[in-house]
C-alpha atoms as a PDB file:
ATOM      1  CA  UNK A   1      14.226   5.866   2.929  1.00  0.00           C
ATOM      2  CA  UNK A   2      14.244   4.023  -0.324  1.00  0.00           C
ATOM      3  CA  UNK A   3      12.353   5.727  -3.297  1.00  0.00           C
ATOM      4  CA  UNK A   4      11.914   2.155  -5.003  1.00  0.00           C
ATOM      5  CA  UNK A   5      10.331   1.033  -1.760  1.00  0.00           C
ATOM      6  CA  UNK A   6       7.958   3.741  -1.368  1.00  0.00           C
ATOM      7  CA  UNK A   7       6.830   3.347  -5.236  1.00  0.00           C
ATOM      8  CA  UNK A   8       6.213  -0.249  -4.746  1.00  0.00           C
ATOM      9  CA  UNK A   9       4.172   0.611  -1.815  1.00  0.00           C
ATOM     10  CA  UNK A  10       2.158   3.318  -3.536  1.00  0.00           C
ATOM     11  CA  UNK A  11       1.687   0.985  -6.591  1.00  0.00           C
ATOM     12  CA  UNK A  12       0.284  -1.706  -4.150  1.00  0.00           C
ATOM     13  CA  UNK A  13      -2.088   0.955  -2.984  1.00  0.00           C
ATOM     14  CA  UNK A  14      -3.008   2.211  -6.271  1.00  0.00           C
ATOM     15  CA  UNK A  15      -3.449  -1.450  -7.465  1.00  0.00           C
ATOM     16  CA  UNK A  16      -5.877  -2.010  -4.508  1.00  0.00           C
ATOM     17  CA  UNK A  17      -7.811   0.676  -5.041  1.00  0.00           C
ATOM     18  CA  UNK A  18      -8.430  -0.033  -8.551  1.00  0.00           C
ATOM     19  CA  UNK A  19      -9.262  -4.274  -7.715  1.00  0.00           C
ATOM     20  CA  UNK A  20     -11.818  -2.675  -5.010  1.00  0.00           C
ATOM     21  CA  UNK A  21     -13.580  -0.371  -7.615  1.00  0.00           C
ATOM     22  CA  UNK A  22     -13.481  -3.156 -10.100  1.00  0.00           C
ATOM     23  CA  UNK A  23     -15.227  -5.321  -7.503  1.00  0.00           C
ATOM     24  CA  UNK A  24     -17.690  -2.578  -6.626  1.00  0.00           C
ATOM     25  CA  UNK A  25     -18.394  -2.412 -10.566  1.00  0.00           C
ATOM     26  CA  UNK A  26     -18.755  -6.237 -10.689  1.00  0.00           C
ATOM     27  CA  UNK A  27     -20.143  -6.901  -7.258  1.00  0.00           C
ATOM     28  CA  UNK A  28     -17.581  -9.187  -6.819  1.00  0.00           C
ATOM     29  CA  UNK A  29     -17.280  -9.495  -2.865  1.00  0.00           C
ATOM     30  CA  UNK A  30     -13.595 -11.005  -3.360  1.00  0.00           C
ATOM     31  CA  UNK A  31     -12.294  -8.639  -5.653  1.00  0.00           C
ATOM     32  CA  UNK A  32     -13.397  -5.784  -3.131  1.00  0.00           C
ATOM     33  CA  UNK A  33     -11.641  -7.890  -0.178  1.00  0.00           C
ATOM     34  CA  UNK A  34      -8.557  -8.363  -1.954  1.00  0.00           C
ATOM     35  CA  UNK A  35      -8.132  -4.615  -3.147  1.00  0.00           C
ATOM     36  CA  UNK A  36      -8.750  -3.380   0.476  1.00  0.00           C
ATOM     37  CA  UNK A  37      -6.017  -6.063   1.658  1.00  0.00           C
ATOM     38  CA  UNK A  38      -3.503  -4.701  -1.076  1.00  0.00           C
ATOM     39  CA  UNK A  39      -4.437  -1.264   0.188  1.00  0.00           C
ATOM     40  CA  UNK A  40      -3.333  -2.370   3.962  1.00  0.00           C
ATOM     41  CA  UNK A  41      -0.488  -3.869   2.740  1.00  0.00           C
ATOM     42  CA  UNK A  42       0.463  -0.730   0.711  1.00  0.00           C
ATOM     43  CA  UNK A  43      -0.159   1.358   3.977  1.00  0.00           C
ATOM     44  CA  UNK A  44       1.964  -1.031   5.991  1.00  0.00           C
ATOM     45  CA  UNK A  45       5.076  -0.485   3.611  1.00  0.00           C
ATOM     46  CA  UNK A  46       4.669   3.064   3.820  1.00  0.00           C
ATOM     47  CA  UNK A  47       4.726   2.675   7.848  1.00  0.00           C
ATOM     48  CA  UNK A  48       7.935   0.508   7.475  1.00  0.00           C
ATOM     49  CA  UNK A  49       9.645   3.338   5.418  1.00  0.00           C
ATOM     50  CA  UNK A  50       8.744   6.065   7.641  1.00  0.00           C
ATOM     51  CA  UNK A  51       9.988   4.038  10.950  1.00  0.00           C
ATOM     52  CA  UNK A  52      13.207   3.742   8.850  1.00  0.00           C
ATOM     53  CA  UNK A  53      13.495   7.251   7.957  1.00  0.00           C
ATOM     54  CA  UNK A  54      12.967   8.321  11.699  1.00  0.00           C
ATOM     55  CA  UNK A  55      15.700   5.596  12.727  1.00  0.00           C
ATOM     56  CA  UNK A  56      18.027   7.610  10.141  1.00  0.00           C
ATOM     57  CA  UNK A  57      17.536  10.781  11.611  1.00  0.00           C
ATOM     58  CA  UNK A  58      17.843   9.959  15.252  1.00  0.00           C
ATOM     59  CA  UNK A  59      21.426   8.001  14.045  1.00  0.00           C
ATOM     60  CA  UNK A  60      22.398  11.288  12.235  1.00  0.00           C
END
């Protein structure tokens, strides 16, 4: 598990939530879509880190 990678994933998720919220406030569908995409990217990054952790546990 890389704390740095998890931190980046969390940051991407927060950034996405903020952008989606901004899109909701301004009514900009592009901002909303980009925000959701960033959140999905953050979730994928967390998933990758989970897989890495599981592999490390099984190898030890």
